[in-house]
């Protein structure tokens, strides 16, 4: 009999027989997309969740190691905490692309639960494992500090600011997508799954391992024979195979007989019915 791993996710008991990264279980099995997959190796913090109250990166924890633990994602935070972070991050302008923000929220919320009046240095330490790709950390630190003040009752949520009735030149503006991005509801390409698009297929490029190499031949016969493979696209399948900003001189895919220009140049694009077949 297969071993079972049981744990609680946002107040609901879950059981699985698969021992895999907890992040993949949350995203693939439970369709919880607030935990973003930014690196899959514990480096960026976009998948930060709470495990028994502590901020933990979901990609480095497995379902086996999660057994018996209490797991909380942004969706499971108390409503007052969620609203405090939405207002605070919107008010200070802490949200741009928003990809890192749910992880920042979870790191900040764990700190505030431990110390309701954190210092700037404590906030910096709490988000030390969370990478921001565009906003910069100053506004995020200010946002966590303001959220803590709201939860302490020292600051009040200004609902008019988010509603935006009084926007104008020289006045503060609350980005219209703040709420979705803070709460992890905003969808990025990797968040779109079969629930959004029934019959969804998956694609990935086979890329060059060498900066300079002539592609002598491309043999796709074994891959094409694999059940679940929808098709394989080559350079000749691209109507215009060269792109560029000023001069269109960069190949979308390297054709048979041509020479690669860098490590990672695409050779072919494989399309499959599911991710396991694609891999």
Protein backbone atom coordinates (compact mmCIF):
# COMPACT_ATOMS: atom_id res chain seq x y z
CA UNK A 1 0.00 0.00 0.00
CA UNK A 2 1.35 3.41 -0.93
CA UNK A 3 2.42 5.66 1.92
CA UNK A 4 0.11 8.58 2.59
CA UNK A 5 1.14 12.09 3.61
CA UNK A 6 -1.48 14.14 5.44
CA UNK A 7 -1.27 17.83 6.32
CA UNK A 8 -3.54 20.86 6.57
CA UNK A 9 -3.68 23.55 3.89
CA UNK A 10 -5.62 26.71 4.74
CA UNK A 11 -7.68 24.85 7.32
CA UNK A 12 -8.50 21.86 5.11
CA UNK A 13 -6.93 18.44 5.69
CA UNK A 14 -5.22 17.11 2.57
CA UNK A 15 -3.79 13.67 1.83
CA UNK A 16 -1.54 12.57 -1.02
CA UNK A 17 0.50 9.49 -1.86
CA UNK A 18 2.91 11.48 -4.02
CA UNK A 19 6.18 12.61 -2.50
CA UNK A 20 7.01 15.73 -4.49
CA UNK A 21 7.87 19.39 -3.87
CA UNK A 22 5.12 20.96 -1.80
CA UNK A 23 5.03 23.88 -4.24
CA UNK A 24 4.07 21.57 -7.09
CA UNK A 25 1.37 19.97 -4.96
CA UNK A 26 -0.09 23.38 -4.07
CA UNK A 27 0.00 24.62 -7.65
CA UNK A 28 -0.74 21.47 -9.67
CA UNK A 29 -3.06 19.52 -7.37
CA UNK A 30 -4.81 22.25 -5.36
CA UNK A 31 -4.53 24.98 -8.02
CA UNK A 32 -3.26 27.47 -5.42
CA UNK A 33 -1.36 30.00 -7.49
CA UNK A 34 -0.47 32.65 -4.91
CA UNK A 35 2.71 30.64 -4.27
CA UNK A 36 4.62 31.53 -7.44
CA UNK A 37 7.31 29.30 -8.96
CA UNK A 38 10.19 31.68 -9.51
CA UNK A 39 13.18 29.32 -9.38
CA UNK A 40 12.20 25.88 -7.97
CA UNK A 41 15.41 25.79 -5.93
CA UNK A 42 14.86 27.93 -2.83
CA UNK A 43 16.64 31.01 -4.13
CA UNK A 44 13.98 33.67 -4.80
CA UNK A 45 11.26 33.36 -2.15
CA UNK A 46 8.28 33.89 -4.48
CA UNK A 47 6.76 30.65 -3.15
CA UNK A 48 6.97 31.65 0.54
CA UNK A 49 4.21 30.15 2.69
CA UNK A 50 3.65 29.61 6.42
CA UNK A 51 4.41 26.21 7.90
CA UNK A 52 3.34 26.01 11.54
CA UNK A 53 3.52 29.81 11.58
CA UNK A 54 7.02 30.16 10.16
CA UNK A 55 7.85 31.57 6.72
CA UNK A 56 9.12 28.70 4.54
CA UNK A 57 9.86 28.34 0.82
CA UNK A 58 7.41 25.79 -0.54
CA UNK A 59 9.74 24.58 -3.30
CA UNK A 60 12.30 23.15 -0.86
CA UNK A 61 9.72 21.33 1.28
CA UNK A 62 8.27 18.03 0.09
CA UNK A 63 4.84 16.59 0.74
CA UNK A 64 6.51 13.90 2.88
CA UNK A 65 8.26 16.50 5.04
CA UNK A 66 5.01 18.47 5.30
CA UNK A 67 3.16 15.56 6.90
CA UNK A 68 1.46 16.62 10.11
CA UNK A 69 2.16 20.31 9.50
CA UNK A 70 -0.20 23.28 9.24
CA UNK A 71 0.30 25.11 5.95
CA UNK A 72 -1.07 28.55 5.13
CA UNK A 73 -0.87 30.46 1.85
CA UNK A 74 -2.04 34.00 1.13
CA UNK A 75 -5.54 32.59 0.58
CA UNK A 76 -5.60 31.32 4.17
CA UNK A 77 -4.45 34.49 5.94
CA UNK A 78 -7.01 36.17 8.24
CA UNK A 79 -9.10 38.72 6.37
CA UNK A 80 -7.81 41.67 8.42
CA UNK A 81 -4.23 40.72 7.54
CA UNK A 82 -5.07 40.41 3.84
CA UNK A 83 -6.80 43.79 3.80
CA UNK A 84 -3.98 45.46 5.72
CA UNK A 85 -1.42 44.31 3.15
CA UNK A 86 -3.59 45.26 0.18
CA UNK A 87 -3.99 48.79 1.51
CA UNK A 88 -0.41 49.20 2.73
CA UNK A 89 1.28 47.94 -0.43
CA UNK A 90 -1.05 50.00 -2.60
CA UNK A 91 -0.70 53.15 -0.52
CA UNK A 92 3.11 53.22 -0.60
CA UNK A 93 3.46 51.99 -4.20
CA UNK A 94 5.09 48.66 -3.38
CA UNK A 95 3.57 46.77 -6.33
CA UNK A 96 4.80 46.83 -9.91
CA UNK A 97 4.97 43.54 -11.81
CA UNK A 98 3.70 41.89 -8.61
CA UNK A 99 5.34 38.51 -9.13
CA UNK A 100 7.29 38.58 -5.86
CA UNK A 101 4.59 40.29 -3.80
CA UNK A 102 2.63 37.30 -2.38
CA UNK A 103 5.92 35.88 -1.11
CA UNK A 104 6.82 39.25 0.42
CA UNK A 105 3.39 39.37 2.07
CA UNK A 106 3.86 35.93 3.62
CA UNK A 107 7.33 36.81 4.90
CA UNK A 108 6.02 40.09 6.32
CA UNK A 109 2.91 38.52 7.85
CA UNK A 110 4.99 35.88 9.66
CA UNK A 111 7.19 38.62 11.11
CA UNK A 112 4.23 40.75 12.24
CA UNK A 113 2.59 37.72 13.89
CA UNK A 114 5.81 37.25 15.88
CA UNK A 115 6.45 40.95 16.54
CA UNK A 116 3.54 43.35 15.89
CA UNK A 117 5.89 46.35 15.91
CA UNK A 118 8.87 45.32 13.76
CA UNK A 119 11.78 47.64 13.12
CA UNK A 120 13.10 48.39 9.65
CA UNK A 121 16.07 46.11 10.31
CA UNK A 122 13.76 43.27 11.35
CA UNK A 123 11.73 43.70 8.16
CA UNK A 124 14.88 43.67 6.05
CA UNK A 125 15.99 40.47 7.76
CA UNK A 126 12.56 38.85 7.32
CA UNK A 127 12.60 39.37 3.53
CA UNK A 128 16.30 38.58 3.08
CA UNK A 129 15.40 35.44 1.10
CA UNK A 130 12.83 37.17 -1.12
CA UNK A 131 14.03 38.57 -4.44
CA UNK A 132 12.24 41.58 -5.94
CA UNK A 133 12.79 41.87 -9.67
CA UNK A 134 11.49 45.38 -10.36
CA UNK A 135 10.07 47.48 -7.51
CA UNK A 136 13.13 47.58 -5.26
CA UNK A 137 12.98 46.92 -1.55
CA UNK A 138 12.38 50.38 -0.09
CA UNK A 139 8.68 50.51 -0.88
CA UNK A 140 8.16 46.89 0.13
CA UNK A 141 9.76 47.56 3.51
CA UNK A 142 7.53 50.63 3.90
CA UNK A 143 4.51 48.53 2.95
CA UNK A 144 5.20 45.86 5.57
CA UNK A 145 5.76 48.57 8.18
CA UNK A 146 2.46 50.26 7.28
CA UNK A 147 0.60 46.92 7.33
CA UNK A 148 1.94 46.31 10.83
CA UNK A 149 0.72 49.77 11.92
CA UNK A 150 -2.74 49.06 10.49
CA UNK A 151 -2.94 45.74 12.31
CA UNK A 152 -1.85 47.42 15.55
CA UNK A 153 -4.66 49.94 15.10
CA UNK A 154 -2.31 52.91 14.79
CA UNK A 155 -3.21 53.53 11.13
CA UNK A 156 -6.54 53.24 9.39
CA UNK A 157 -7.30 51.84 5.93
CA UNK A 158 -8.34 54.63 3.58
CA UNK A 159 -10.89 52.88 1.38
CA UNK A 160 -11.28 55.98 -0.79
CA UNK A 161 -7.66 55.65 -1.92
CA UNK A 162 -8.22 52.23 -3.48
CA UNK A 163 -11.58 53.26 -4.94
CA UNK A 164 -9.84 56.16 -6.70
CA UNK A 165 -12.68 58.66 -6.91
CA UNK A 166 -10.31 61.54 -6.25
CA UNK A 167 -7.40 60.66 -8.53
CA UNK A 168 -5.77 63.55 -10.34
CA UNK A 169 -2.55 65.34 -11.19
CA UNK A 170 -0.34 65.67 -8.13
CA UNK A 171 -2.38 63.22 -6.05
CA UNK A 172 -1.55 59.73 -4.89
CA UNK A 173 -2.87 56.90 -7.05
CA UNK A 174 -3.59 53.32 -6.04
CA UNK A 175 -2.74 50.96 -8.88
CA UNK A 176 -5.85 49.21 -10.17
CA UNK A 177 -4.15 45.78 -10.04
CA UNK A 178 -2.77 46.03 -6.48
CA UNK A 179 -5.41 43.82 -4.87
CA UNK A 180 -5.02 40.96 -7.34
CA UNK A 181 -1.24 41.06 -7.13
CA UNK A 182 -0.99 41.33 -3.34
CA UNK A 183 -3.43 38.47 -2.81
CA UNK A 184 -1.84 36.31 -5.51
CA UNK A 185 -4.97 36.30 -7.66
CA UNK A 186 -3.31 37.96 -10.64
CA UNK A 187 -2.45 35.35 -13.25
CA UNK A 188 0.91 35.05 -14.96
CA UNK A 189 1.54 32.62 -17.84
CA UNK A 190 2.61 29.80 -15.51
CA UNK A 191 -0.62 30.21 -13.50
CA UNK A 192 -2.85 29.33 -16.44
CA UNK A 193 -3.84 25.68 -16.24
CA UNK A 194 -6.45 23.24 -17.54
CA UNK A 195 -9.13 24.87 -15.39
CA UNK A 196 -8.65 28.08 -17.37
CA UNK A 197 -8.06 26.44 -20.74
CA UNK A 198 -9.48 22.92 -21.17
CA UNK A 199 -7.29 20.98 -23.58
CA UNK A 200 -4.26 23.08 -22.69
CA UNK A 201 -1.00 21.81 -24.17
CA UNK A 202 2.55 22.42 -22.94
CA UNK A 203 5.58 23.50 -24.92
CA UNK A 204 9.29 23.86 -24.29
CA UNK A 205 12.35 24.40 -26.45
CA UNK A 206 15.30 22.06 -26.83
CA UNK A 207 18.23 24.45 -26.52
CA UNK A 208 21.88 24.46 -27.49
CA UNK A 209 24.43 23.54 -24.82
CA UNK A 210 27.20 25.21 -26.81
CA UNK A 211 27.84 28.87 -27.73
CA UNK A 212 29.18 27.95 -31.18
CA UNK A 213 28.17 24.69 -32.80
CA UNK A 214 26.92 23.70 -36.23
CA UNK A 215 23.65 21.78 -36.09
CA UNK A 216 24.53 18.83 -38.32
CA UNK A 217 21.18 17.04 -38.02
CA UNK A 218 17.94 17.15 -36.06
CA UNK A 219 16.33 13.76 -35.37
CA UNK A 220 12.86 14.07 -33.84
CA UNK A 221 11.59 10.58 -34.68
CA UNK A 222 11.67 9.12 -31.14
CA UNK A 223 9.99 12.16 -29.66
CA UNK A 224 7.30 12.25 -32.33
CA UNK A 225 6.55 8.57 -31.68
CA UNK A 226 5.98 9.17 -27.96
CA UNK A 227 2.29 9.04 -26.98
CA UNK A 228 1.12 12.48 -25.88
CA UNK A 229 3.48 14.47 -28.10
CA UNK A 230 1.36 16.83 -30.22
CA UNK A 231 4.13 17.98 -32.52
CA UNK A 232 7.63 19.36 -32.92
CA UNK A 233 8.34 22.68 -34.61
CA UNK A 234 11.60 23.54 -36.37
CA UNK A 235 13.04 26.68 -37.91
CA UNK A 236 11.34 25.93 -41.22
CA UNK A 237 7.96 26.01 -39.43
CA UNK A 238 8.44 29.65 -38.37
CA UNK A 239 7.07 32.02 -41.06
CA UNK A 240 9.65 34.68 -40.20
CA UNK A 241 12.55 33.01 -38.40
CA UNK A 242 14.55 36.17 -37.67
CA UNK A 243 13.79 38.87 -35.12
CA UNK A 244 15.57 41.94 -33.76
CA UNK A 245 15.00 45.48 -32.54
CA UNK A 246 16.76 47.39 -35.32
CA UNK A 247 17.97 44.68 -37.65
CA UNK A 248 16.11 41.37 -37.85
CA UNK A 249 19.18 39.15 -37.67
CA UNK A 250 18.54 36.85 -34.72
CA UNK A 251 17.15 33.36 -35.35
CA UNK A 252 14.02 32.28 -33.51
CA UNK A 253 15.25 28.70 -33.91
CA UNK A 254 18.51 27.43 -35.34
CA UNK A 255 17.97 25.52 -38.57
CA UNK A 256 19.72 22.31 -39.51
CA UNK A 257 23.07 23.25 -41.03
CA UNK A 258 23.28 26.63 -39.25
CA UNK A 259 25.53 27.67 -36.36
CA UNK A 260 24.36 28.56 -32.83
CA UNK A 261 25.25 32.00 -31.49
CA UNK A 262 24.95 31.40 -27.75
CA UNK A 263 24.23 28.81 -25.08
CA UNK A 264 20.46 28.45 -24.96
CA UNK A 265 19.68 29.04 -28.63
CA UNK A 266 16.44 27.22 -29.46
CA UNK A 267 16.76 24.26 -31.83
CA UNK A 268 13.19 22.92 -31.82
CA UNK A 269 9.96 23.52 -29.90
CA UNK A 270 8.27 20.42 -28.49
CA UNK A 271 4.50 20.47 -27.80
CA UNK A 272 2.88 17.81 -25.58
CA UNK A 273 -0.41 17.10 -23.87
CA UNK A 274 1.04 17.25 -20.34
CA UNK A 275 4.18 18.35 -18.55
CA UNK A 276 5.41 14.83 -17.75
CA UNK A 277 5.32 13.84 -21.43
CA UNK A 278 6.97 17.13 -22.37
CA UNK A 279 9.83 16.50 -19.95
